[in-house]
């Protein structure tokens, strides 16, 4: 893993993402591509409705000319904002020891542009929320959700504050996403030297299947040189895991993403969403 795609909109959450992207780049000796996308909806905000029938041909032409000028001004402002955000990101990353940095500006929709970058990207870093975080503090960023659902690369979703990473918890249920996460942990230098916790949530003490899955994860981690701290938790998955994070010195979480079907997500929300909302730490998501 050598190429990190850092998505930014210049918001407070995105700026914390710079800290974690720099931490990650140093651990893997990787390069960072900083991507800023001007939302196409902003570029399309000015439309050209035909008012000629109601205001007259001459007035309509004057209005049309002004709208064209305004669009040009708006495009220039969007480009200037992109450059400011990208330059600030580069400055912050270099201050944290990152040397290999590229800056990219696109106009469109981030999720639609992802295919341009995903093939050469090993991991995507983005903030939990974006520019509207102050207005919707309990909501997750729409771009973040769309990217995680559409990308097949690991996504590191960063929190509001940066903390040095020493203790990591793997929320493990044996599913495909968790298997990918476990493969990543044992094969990547990212987590070497960190204390790895593994938690599995069971409905009761008699849940031998969950106990066996936890044991398998423990064995793989020990074989890879870790000394994992393993716990079989009980209760509702979201409550059990978030309580563990709150009562232990956990700095980062790793889990499978969106493992439940779409119907369950629409009714009560997925475990992924609940963990992102309730746990104020960065979360690695694997699909």
C-alpha atoms as a PDB file:
ATOM      1  CA  UNK A   1       0.000   0.000   0.000  1.00  0.00           C
ATOM      2  CA  UNK A   2       1.761   3.135  -1.232  1.00  0.00           C
ATOM      3  CA  UNK A   3      -0.811   5.554  -2.703  1.00  0.00           C
ATOM      4  CA  UNK A   4      -3.187   7.487  -0.449  1.00  0.00           C
ATOM      5  CA  UNK A   5      -6.106   9.455  -1.893  1.00  0.00           C
ATOM      6  CA  UNK A   6      -6.961  12.287   0.502  1.00  0.00           C
ATOM      7  CA  UNK A   7     -10.358  13.847  -0.250  1.00  0.00           C
ATOM      8  CA  UNK A   8     -10.840  17.367   1.063  1.00  0.00           C
ATOM      9  CA  UNK A   9     -13.339  20.216   0.977  1.00  0.00           C
ATOM     10  CA  UNK A  10     -11.280  22.419   3.286  1.00  0.00           C
ATOM     11  CA  UNK A  11     -13.620  21.881   6.254  1.00  0.00           C
ATOM     12  CA  UNK A  12     -12.550  21.318   9.856  1.00  0.00           C
ATOM     13  CA  UNK A  13     -13.134  17.565   9.537  1.00  0.00           C
ATOM     14  CA  UNK A  14     -11.101  17.451   6.321  1.00  0.00           C
ATOM     15  CA  UNK A  15      -8.195  19.261   7.983  1.00  0.00           C
ATOM     16  CA  UNK A  16      -8.050  16.611  10.707  1.00  0.00           C
ATOM     17  CA  UNK A  17      -7.888  14.132   7.844  1.00  0.00           C
ATOM     18  CA  UNK A  18      -4.568  15.738   6.842  1.00  0.00           C
ATOM     19  CA  UNK A  19      -3.154  14.718  10.234  1.00  0.00           C
ATOM     20  CA  UNK A  20      -4.189  11.098   9.841  1.00  0.00           C
ATOM     21  CA  UNK A  21      -3.129  10.953   6.183  1.00  0.00           C
ATOM     22  CA  UNK A  22       0.335  12.207   7.210  1.00  0.00           C
ATOM     23  CA  UNK A  23       0.477   9.612  10.002  1.00  0.00           C
ATOM     24  CA  UNK A  24      -0.473   6.906   7.529  1.00  0.00           C
ATOM     25  CA  UNK A  25       1.998   8.045   4.875  1.00  0.00           C
ATOM     26  CA  UNK A  26       4.846   7.943   7.383  1.00  0.00           C
ATOM     27  CA  UNK A  27       3.986   4.431   8.510  1.00  0.00           C
ATOM     28  CA  UNK A  28       3.883   3.027   4.986  1.00  0.00           C
ATOM     29  CA  UNK A  29       6.364   5.390   3.288  1.00  0.00           C
ATOM     30  CA  UNK A  30       3.551   6.371   0.953  1.00  0.00           C
ATOM     31  CA  UNK A  31       2.597   9.228  -1.360  1.00  0.00           C
ATOM     32  CA  UNK A  32      -0.527  11.358  -0.954  1.00  0.00           C
ATOM     33  CA  UNK A  33      -2.758  12.697  -3.705  1.00  0.00           C
ATOM     34  CA  UNK A  34      -4.972  15.509  -2.397  1.00  0.00           C
ATOM     35  CA  UNK A  35      -8.261  15.705  -4.286  1.00  0.00           C
ATOM     36  CA  UNK A  36     -10.626  18.681  -4.236  1.00  0.00           C
ATOM     37  CA  UNK A  37     -13.835  18.414  -6.253  1.00  0.00           C
ATOM     38  CA  UNK A  38     -15.917  21.482  -7.043  1.00  0.00           C
ATOM     39  CA  UNK A  39     -19.467  20.202  -6.776  1.00  0.00           C
ATOM     40  CA  UNK A  40     -21.086  20.327 -10.204  1.00  0.00           C
ATOM     41  CA  UNK A  41     -24.272  21.642  -8.617  1.00  0.00           C
ATOM     42  CA  UNK A  42     -22.434  24.838  -7.703  1.00  0.00           C
ATOM     43  CA  UNK A  43     -21.344  25.285 -11.289  1.00  0.00           C
ATOM     44  CA  UNK A  44     -24.905  24.709 -12.470  1.00  0.00           C
ATOM     45  CA  UNK A  45     -26.444  27.111  -9.967  1.00  0.00           C
ATOM     46  CA  UNK A  46     -26.863  29.769 -12.639  1.00  0.00           C
ATOM     47  CA  UNK A  47     -29.237  28.640 -15.362  1.00  0.00           C
ATOM     48  CA  UNK A  48     -30.378  30.456 -18.493  1.00  0.00           C
ATOM     49  CA  UNK A  49     -34.173  30.423 -18.466  1.00  0.00           C
ATOM     50  CA  UNK A  50     -35.817  32.116 -21.426  1.00  0.00           C
ATOM     51  CA  UNK A  51     -37.333  35.348 -20.118  1.00  0.00           C
ATOM     52  CA  UNK A  52     -37.496  37.026 -23.538  1.00  0.00           C
ATOM     53  CA  UNK A  53     -41.247  36.679 -23.780  1.00  0.00           C
ATOM     54  CA  UNK A  54     -41.891  38.488 -20.493  1.00  0.00           C
ATOM     55  CA  UNK A  55     -39.150  41.139 -20.371  1.00  0.00           C
ATOM     56  CA  UNK A  56     -38.468  41.823 -24.037  1.00  0.00           C
ATOM     57  CA  UNK A  57     -35.684  40.817 -26.414  1.00  0.00           C
ATOM     58  CA  UNK A  58     -33.268  43.653 -25.546  1.00  0.00           C
ATOM     59  CA  UNK A  59     -33.657  43.218 -21.775  1.00  0.00           C
ATOM     60  CA  UNK A  60     -33.340  39.449 -22.137  1.00  0.00           C
ATOM     61  CA  UNK A  61     -30.088  39.765 -24.110  1.00  0.00           C
ATOM     62  CA  UNK A  62     -28.675  42.135 -21.489  1.00  0.00           C
ATOM     63  CA  UNK A  63     -29.633  39.703 -18.727  1.00  0.00           C
ATOM     64  CA  UNK A  64     -28.129  36.782 -20.639  1.00  0.00           C
ATOM     65  CA  UNK A  65     -24.840  38.647 -21.122  1.00  0.00           C
ATOM     66  CA  UNK A  66     -24.689  39.414 -17.401  1.00  0.00           C
ATOM     67  CA  UNK A  67     -25.389  35.789 -16.479  1.00  0.00           C
ATOM     68  CA  UNK A  68     -22.552  34.658 -18.741  1.00  0.00           C
ATOM     69  CA  UNK A  69     -20.194  37.140 -17.074  1.00  0.00           C
ATOM     70  CA  UNK A  70     -21.365  36.013 -13.648  1.00  0.00           C
ATOM     71  CA  UNK A  71     -20.784  32.369 -14.531  1.00  0.00           C
ATOM     72  CA  UNK A  72     -17.236  33.189 -15.555  1.00  0.00           C
ATOM     73  CA  UNK A  73     -16.671  35.033 -12.298  1.00  0.00           C
ATOM     74  CA  UNK A  74     -18.146  32.120 -10.346  1.00  0.00           C
ATOM     75  CA  UNK A  75     -15.927  29.585 -12.138  1.00  0.00           C
ATOM     76  CA  UNK A  76     -12.901  31.740 -11.346  1.00  0.00           C
ATOM     77  CA  UNK A  77     -13.905  31.899  -7.677  1.00  0.00           C
ATOM     78  CA  UNK A  78     -14.384  28.125  -7.533  1.00  0.00           C
ATOM     79  CA  UNK A  79     -10.933  27.589  -9.037  1.00  0.00           C
ATOM     80  CA  UNK A  80      -9.381  30.077  -6.604  1.00  0.00           C
ATOM     81  CA  UNK A  81     -11.031  28.354  -3.643  1.00  0.00           C
ATOM     82  CA  UNK A  82      -9.783  24.978  -4.868  1.00  0.00           C
ATOM     83  CA  UNK A  83      -6.228  26.269  -5.107  1.00  0.00           C
ATOM     84  CA  UNK A  84      -6.392  27.777  -1.610  1.00  0.00           C
ATOM     85  CA  UNK A  85      -7.671  24.511  -0.109  1.00  0.00           C
ATOM     86  CA  UNK A  86      -5.135  22.373  -1.975  1.00  0.00           C
ATOM     87  CA  UNK A  87      -2.216  24.663  -1.135  1.00  0.00           C
ATOM     88  CA  UNK A  88      -3.209  24.674   2.530  1.00  0.00           C
ATOM     89  CA  UNK A  89      -3.419  20.872   2.550  1.00  0.00           C
ATOM     90  CA  UNK A  90       0.026  20.594   0.962  1.00  0.00           C
ATOM     91  CA  UNK A  91       1.495  23.023   3.503  1.00  0.00           C
ATOM     92  CA  UNK A  92       0.053  21.105   6.445  1.00  0.00           C
ATOM     93  CA  UNK A  93       1.200  17.757   5.069  1.00  0.00           C
ATOM     94  CA  UNK A  94       4.742  18.991   4.457  1.00  0.00           C
ATOM     95  CA  UNK A  95       4.864  20.376   7.992  1.00  0.00           C
ATOM     96  CA  UNK A  96       4.147  16.835   9.148  1.00  0.00           C
ATOM     97  CA  UNK A  97       6.963  15.296   7.147  1.00  0.00           C
ATOM     98  CA  UNK A  98       5.168  14.192   3.975  1.00  0.00           C
ATOM     99  CA  UNK A  99       7.308  14.787   0.889  1.00  0.00           C
ATOM    100  CA  UNK A 100       5.475  13.083  -1.972  1.00  0.00           C
ATOM    101  CA  UNK A 101       2.321  15.109  -2.566  1.00  0.00           C
ATOM    102  CA  UNK A 102       0.244  15.754  -5.675  1.00  0.00           C
ATOM    103  CA  UNK A 103      -2.732  18.113  -5.876  1.00  0.00           C
ATOM    104  CA  UNK A 104      -5.748  17.531  -8.089  1.00  0.00           C
ATOM    105  CA  UNK A 105      -8.797  19.689  -8.781  1.00  0.00           C
ATOM    106  CA  UNK A 106     -11.842  18.363 -10.613  1.00  0.00           C
ATOM    107  CA  UNK A 107     -15.340  19.660 -11.249  1.00  0.00           C
ATOM    108  CA  UNK A 108     -18.234  17.219 -11.016  1.00  0.00           C
ATOM    109  CA  UNK A 109     -19.500  14.778  -8.416  1.00  0.00           C
ATOM    110  CA  UNK A 110     -16.934  13.098  -6.199  1.00  0.00           C
ATOM    111  CA  UNK A 111     -18.539   9.665  -6.304  1.00  0.00           C
ATOM    112  CA  UNK A 112     -18.744   9.751 -10.125  1.00  0.00           C
ATOM    113  CA  UNK A 113     -15.096  10.784 -10.446  1.00  0.00           C
ATOM    114  CA  UNK A 114     -13.825   8.097  -8.085  1.00  0.00           C
ATOM    115  CA  UNK A 115     -13.202   5.592 -10.881  1.00  0.00           C
ATOM    116  CA  UNK A 116     -10.497   7.908 -12.254  1.00  0.00           C
ATOM    117  CA  UNK A 117      -8.472   7.526  -9.068  1.00  0.00           C
ATOM    118  CA  UNK A 118      -9.473   4.219  -7.508  1.00  0.00           C
ATOM    119  CA  UNK A 119      -7.335   1.948  -9.668  1.00  0.00           C
ATOM    120  CA  UNK A 120      -4.060   3.542  -8.555  1.00  0.00           C
ATOM    121  CA  UNK A 121      -5.277   4.211  -5.007  1.00  0.00           C
ATOM    122  CA  UNK A 122      -4.593   1.883  -2.094  1.00  0.00           C
ATOM    123  CA  UNK A 123      -6.573   3.685   0.596  1.00  0.00           C
ATOM    124  CA  UNK A 124      -9.000   6.612   0.682  1.00  0.00           C
ATOM    125  CA  UNK A 125      -8.925   9.121   3.545  1.00  0.00           C
ATOM    126  CA  UNK A 126     -11.848  11.476   4.159  1.00  0.00           C
ATOM    127  CA  UNK A 127     -13.567  13.322   6.988  1.00  0.00           C
ATOM    128  CA  UNK A 128     -16.673  12.002   8.673  1.00  0.00           C
ATOM    129  CA  UNK A 129     -18.507  15.193   7.787  1.00  0.00           C
ATOM    130  CA  UNK A 130     -17.854  18.124   5.508  1.00  0.00           C
ATOM    131  CA  UNK A 131     -18.613  21.799   5.081  1.00  0.00           C
ATOM    132  CA  UNK A 132     -22.097  21.572   6.637  1.00  0.00           C
ATOM    133  CA  UNK A 133     -20.930  19.831   9.824  1.00  0.00           C
ATOM    134  CA  UNK A 134     -21.836  22.853  11.951  1.00  0.00           C
ATOM    135  CA  UNK A 135     -25.417  22.771  10.710  1.00  0.00           C
ATOM    136  CA  UNK A 136     -25.953  19.006  10.960  1.00  0.00           C
ATOM    137  CA  UNK A 137     -23.715  17.840  13.770  1.00  0.00           C
ATOM    138  CA  UNK A 138     -25.426  14.449  14.080  1.00  0.00           C
ATOM    139  CA  UNK A 139     -25.368  13.702  10.353  1.00  0.00           C
ATOM    140  CA  UNK A 140     -22.723  11.926   8.342  1.00  0.00           C
ATOM    141  CA  UNK A 141     -21.361  13.492   5.200  1.00  0.00           C
ATOM    142  CA  UNK A 142     -23.266  12.475   2.080  1.00  0.00           C
ATOM    143  CA  UNK A 143     -20.067  12.173   0.032  1.00  0.00           C
ATOM    144  CA  UNK A 144     -18.469  10.023   2.713  1.00  0.00           C
ATOM    145  CA  UNK A 145     -21.363   7.555   2.681  1.00  0.00           C
ATOM    146  CA  UNK A 146     -21.483   7.389  -1.102  1.00  0.00           C
ATOM    147  CA  UNK A 147     -17.742   6.814  -1.408  1.00  0.00           C
ATOM    148  CA  UNK A 148     -17.667   4.055   1.198  1.00  0.00           C
ATOM    149  CA  UNK A 149     -20.634   2.310  -0.430  1.00  0.00           C
ATOM    150  CA  UNK A 150     -19.185   2.509  -3.948  1.00  0.00           C
ATOM    151  CA  UNK A 151     -15.462   1.975  -3.360  1.00  0.00           C
ATOM    152  CA  UNK A 152     -13.776  -1.389  -2.982  1.00  0.00           C
ATOM    153  CA  UNK A 153     -10.667   0.141  -1.443  1.00  0.00           C
ATOM    154  CA  UNK A 154     -10.166   0.593   2.319  1.00  0.00           C
ATOM    155  CA  UNK A 155     -11.572   3.892   3.550  1.00  0.00           C
ATOM    156  CA  UNK A 156     -10.233   5.687   6.605  1.00  0.00           C
ATOM    157  CA  UNK A 157     -12.983   7.985   7.889  1.00  0.00           C
ATOM    158  CA  UNK A 158     -11.475  10.545  10.236  1.00  0.00           C
ATOM    159  CA  UNK A 159     -13.003  12.163  13.312  1.00  0.00           C
ATOM    160  CA  UNK A 160     -13.175  15.772  14.560  1.00  0.00           C
ATOM    161  CA  UNK A 161      -9.935  15.617  16.580  1.00  0.00           C
ATOM    162  CA  UNK A 162      -6.529  14.054  16.070  1.00  0.00           C
ATOM    163  CA  UNK A 163      -4.967  11.793  18.690  1.00  0.00           C
ATOM    164  CA  UNK A 164      -1.779   9.723  18.431  1.00  0.00           C
ATOM    165  CA  UNK A 165      -2.638   6.138  17.526  1.00  0.00           C
ATOM    166  CA  UNK A 166      -1.499   3.502  19.999  1.00  0.00           C
ATOM    167  CA  UNK A 167      -4.536   1.234  20.535  1.00  0.00           C
ATOM    168  CA  UNK A 168      -6.692  -0.103  17.705  1.00  0.00           C
ATOM    169  CA  UNK A 169      -9.859  -2.180  17.983  1.00  0.00           C
ATOM    170  CA  UNK A 170     -11.041  -4.600  15.321  1.00  0.00           C
ATOM    171  CA  UNK A 171     -14.823  -5.100  15.474  1.00  0.00           C
ATOM    172  CA  UNK A 172     -14.944  -8.627  14.117  1.00  0.00           C
ATOM    173  CA  UNK A 173     -17.974 -10.666  13.071  1.00  0.00           C
ATOM    174  CA  UNK A 174     -16.359 -13.052  10.596  1.00  0.00           C
ATOM    175  CA  UNK A 175     -18.044 -11.456   7.570  1.00  0.00           C
ATOM    176  CA  UNK A 176     -16.356 -10.725   4.243  1.00  0.00           C
ATOM    177  CA  UNK A 177     -15.594  -7.118   5.137  1.00  0.00           C
ATOM    178  CA  UNK A 178     -14.025  -8.173   8.431  1.00  0.00           C
ATOM    179  CA  UNK A 179     -11.988 -10.843   6.682  1.00  0.00           C
ATOM    180  CA  UNK A 180     -10.595  -8.186   4.329  1.00  0.00           C
ATOM    181  CA  UNK A 181      -9.855  -5.995   7.334  1.00  0.00           C
ATOM    182  CA  UNK A 182      -8.032  -8.811   9.113  1.00  0.00           C
ATOM    183  CA  UNK A 183      -6.016  -9.595   5.966  1.00  0.00           C
ATOM    184  CA  UNK A 184      -5.058  -5.931   5.762  1.00  0.00           C
ATOM    185  CA  UNK A 185      -3.989  -5.757   9.401  1.00  0.00           C
ATOM    186  CA  UNK A 186      -1.695  -8.785   9.257  1.00  0.00           C
ATOM    187  CA  UNK A 187      -0.116  -7.846   5.906  1.00  0.00           C
ATOM    188  CA  UNK A 188       0.297  -4.070   6.253  1.00  0.00           C
ATOM    189  CA  UNK A 189       2.916  -2.088   8.196  1.00  0.00           C
ATOM    190  CA  UNK A 190       0.191   0.335   9.309  1.00  0.00           C
ATOM    191  CA  UNK A 191      -0.563  -1.476  12.552  1.00  0.00           C
ATOM    192  CA  UNK A 192       2.840  -2.896  13.411  1.00  0.00           C
ATOM    193  CA  UNK A 193       3.885  -1.999  16.947  1.00  0.00           C
ATOM    194  CA  UNK A 194       0.349  -0.947  17.961  1.00  0.00           C
ATOM    195  CA  UNK A 195      -1.802  -2.691  20.560  1.00  0.00           C
ATOM    196  CA  UNK A 196      -4.566  -4.556  18.758  1.00  0.00           C
ATOM    197  CA  UNK A 197      -7.898  -5.228  20.472  1.00  0.00           C
ATOM    198  CA  UNK A 198     -10.429  -7.611  18.921  1.00  0.00           C
ATOM    199  CA  UNK A 199     -14.073  -7.635  19.965  1.00  0.00           C
ATOM    200  CA  UNK A 200     -16.877  -9.891  18.815  1.00  0.00           C
ATOM    201  CA  UNK A 201     -20.461  -9.440  19.962  1.00  0.00           C
ATOM    202  CA  UNK A 202     -22.483 -12.526  20.896  1.00  0.00           C
ATOM    203  CA  UNK A 203     -26.122 -12.834  21.899  1.00  0.00           C
ATOM    204  CA  UNK A 204     -25.275 -15.127  24.801  1.00  0.00           C
ATOM    205  CA  UNK A 205     -22.450 -17.048  26.445  1.00  0.00           C
ATOM    206  CA  UNK A 206     -23.606 -20.096  24.510  1.00  0.00           C
ATOM    207  CA  UNK A 207     -22.868 -18.536  21.134  1.00  0.00           C
ATOM    208  CA  UNK A 208     -20.059 -20.921  20.202  1.00  0.00           C
ATOM    209  CA  UNK A 209     -19.974 -19.709  16.599  1.00  0.00           C
ATOM    210  CA  UNK A 210     -18.998 -16.177  17.629  1.00  0.00           C
ATOM    211  CA  UNK A 211     -16.518 -17.514  20.156  1.00  0.00           C
ATOM    212  CA  UNK A 212     -14.884 -19.639  17.442  1.00  0.00           C
ATOM    213  CA  UNK A 213     -14.656 -16.657  15.079  1.00  0.00           C
ATOM    214  CA  UNK A 214     -12.992 -14.579  17.762  1.00  0.00           C
ATOM    215  CA  UNK A 215     -10.508 -17.390  18.370  1.00  0.00           C
ATOM    216  CA  UNK A 216      -9.665 -17.594  14.664  1.00  0.00           C
ATOM    217  CA  UNK A 217      -8.984 -13.848  14.523  1.00  0.00           C
ATOM    218  CA  UNK A 218      -6.835 -14.097  17.636  1.00  0.00           C
ATOM    219  CA  UNK A 219      -4.811 -16.960  16.142  1.00  0.00           C
ATOM    220  CA  UNK A 220      -4.175 -15.079  12.876  1.00  0.00           C
ATOM    221  CA  UNK A 221      -3.020 -11.995  14.724  1.00  0.00           C
ATOM    222  CA  UNK A 222      -0.700 -13.957  16.998  1.00  0.00           C
ATOM    223  CA  UNK A 223       0.783 -15.728  13.976  1.00  0.00           C
ATOM    224  CA  UNK A 224       1.487 -12.276  12.478  1.00  0.00           C
ATOM    225  CA  UNK A 225       3.343 -11.203  15.620  1.00  0.00           C
ATOM    226  CA  UNK A 226       0.609  -9.327  17.497  1.00  0.00           C
ATOM    227  CA  UNK A 227      -0.401  -9.907  21.097  1.00  0.00           C
ATOM    228  CA  UNK A 228      -4.114  -9.143  20.720  1.00  0.00           C
ATOM    229  CA  UNK A 229      -6.456  -8.228  23.560  1.00  0.00           C
ATOM    230  CA  UNK A 230      -9.604 -10.228  22.758  1.00  0.00           C
ATOM    231  CA  UNK A 231     -13.081  -9.913  24.250  1.00  0.00           C
ATOM    232  CA  UNK A 232     -16.395 -11.602  23.582  1.00  0.00           C
ATOM    233  CA  UNK A 233     -19.012  -8.917  24.251  1.00  0.00           C
ATOM    234  CA  UNK A 234     -22.747  -9.339  24.807  1.00  0.00           C
ATOM    235  CA  UNK A 235     -25.797  -7.277  23.948  1.00  0.00           C
ATOM    236  CA  UNK A 236     -26.774  -5.106  21.009  1.00  0.00           C
ATOM    237  CA  UNK A 237     -23.836  -4.798  18.629  1.00  0.00           C
ATOM    238  CA  UNK A 238     -23.813  -0.995  18.415  1.00  0.00           C
ATOM    239  CA  UNK A 239     -24.090  -0.522  22.192  1.00  0.00           C
ATOM    240  CA  UNK A 240     -21.534  -3.193  23.063  1.00  0.00           C
ATOM    241  CA  UNK A 241     -18.860  -1.893  20.701  1.00  0.00           C
ATOM    242  CA  UNK A 242     -19.359   1.802  21.457  1.00  0.00           C
ATOM    243  CA  UNK A 243     -19.262   1.074  25.211  1.00  0.00           C
ATOM    244  CA  UNK A 244     -15.994  -0.821  24.739  1.00  0.00           C
ATOM    245  CA  UNK A 245     -14.480   2.127  22.874  1.00  0.00           C
ATOM    246  CA  UNK A 246     -15.598   4.550  25.573  1.00  0.00           C
ATOM    247  CA  UNK A 247     -14.238   2.476  28.458  1.00  0.00           C
ATOM    248  CA  UNK A 248     -10.877   1.523  26.915  1.00  0.00           C
ATOM    249  CA  UNK A 249      -8.018   3.669  25.557  1.00  0.00           C
ATOM    250  CA  UNK A 250      -8.982   3.093  21.923  1.00  0.00           C
ATOM    251  CA  UNK A 251      -7.603   5.495  19.307  1.00  0.00           C
ATOM    252  CA  UNK A 252      -8.842   3.887  16.084  1.00  0.00           C
ATOM    253  CA  UNK A 253     -11.374   1.287  14.920  1.00  0.00           C
ATOM    254  CA  UNK A 254     -11.311  -1.232  12.068  1.00  0.00           C
ATOM    255  CA  UNK A 255     -14.495  -2.901  10.832  1.00  0.00           C
ATOM    256  CA  UNK A 256     -16.389  -4.253   7.833  1.00  0.00           C
ATOM    257  CA  UNK A 257     -18.651  -1.724   6.134  1.00  0.00           C
ATOM    258  CA  UNK A 258     -22.373  -1.918   5.505  1.00  0.00           C
ATOM    259  CA  UNK A 259     -22.764  -5.602   6.120  1.00  0.00           C
ATOM    260  CA  UNK A 260     -26.523  -5.487   6.534  1.00  0.00           C
ATOM    261  CA  UNK A 261     -28.987  -5.550   3.692  1.00  0.00           C
ATOM    262  CA  UNK A 262     -30.547  -2.389   2.298  1.00  0.00           C
ATOM    263  CA  UNK A 263     -33.979  -3.011   3.854  1.00  0.00           C
ATOM    264  CA  UNK A 264     -32.562  -3.208   7.372  1.00  0.00           C
ATOM    265  CA  UNK A 265     -30.537  -0.061   6.723  1.00  0.00           C
ATOM    266  CA  UNK A 266     -33.676   1.854   5.744  1.00  0.00           C
ATOM    267  CA  UNK A 267     -35.577   0.680   8.827  1.00  0.00           C
ATOM    268  CA  UNK A 268     -33.096   1.039  11.708  1.00  0.00           C
ATOM    269  CA  UNK A 269     -29.753   2.054  10.212  1.00  0.00           C
ATOM    270  CA  UNK A 270     -26.652  -0.064   9.758  1.00  0.00           C
ATOM    271  CA  UNK A 271     -24.069  -0.931  12.370  1.00  0.00           C
ATOM    272  CA  UNK A 272     -21.549   0.990  10.266  1.00  0.00           C
ATOM    273  CA  UNK A 273     -23.539   4.208  10.484  1.00  0.00           C
ATOM    274  CA  UNK A 274     -24.131   3.830  14.197  1.00  0.00           C
ATOM    275  CA  UNK A 275     -20.431   3.298  14.877  1.00  0.00           C
ATOM    276  CA  UNK A 276     -19.479   6.335  12.816  1.00  0.00           C
ATOM    277  CA  UNK A 277     -22.017   8.476  14.651  1.00  0.00           C
ATOM    278  CA  UNK A 278     -21.291   7.272  18.166  1.00  0.00           C
ATOM    279  CA  UNK A 279     -17.545   6.668  18.217  1.00  0.00           C
ATOM    280  CA  UNK A 280     -15.433   9.837  18.147  1.00  0.00           C
ATOM    281  CA  UNK A 281     -12.374   8.121  16.700  1.00  0.00           C
ATOM    282  CA  UNK A 282     -11.237   7.437  13.127  1.00  0.00           C
ATOM    283  CA  UNK A 283     -12.706   4.290  11.586  1.00  0.00           C
ATOM    284  CA  UNK A 284     -11.280   2.047   8.880  1.00  0.00           C
ATOM    285  CA  UNK A 285     -14.035   0.591   6.697  1.00  0.00           C
ATOM    286  CA  UNK A 286     -13.668  -2.448   4.438  1.00  0.00           C
ATOM    287  CA  UNK A 287     -16.194  -3.757   1.928  1.00  0.00           C
END
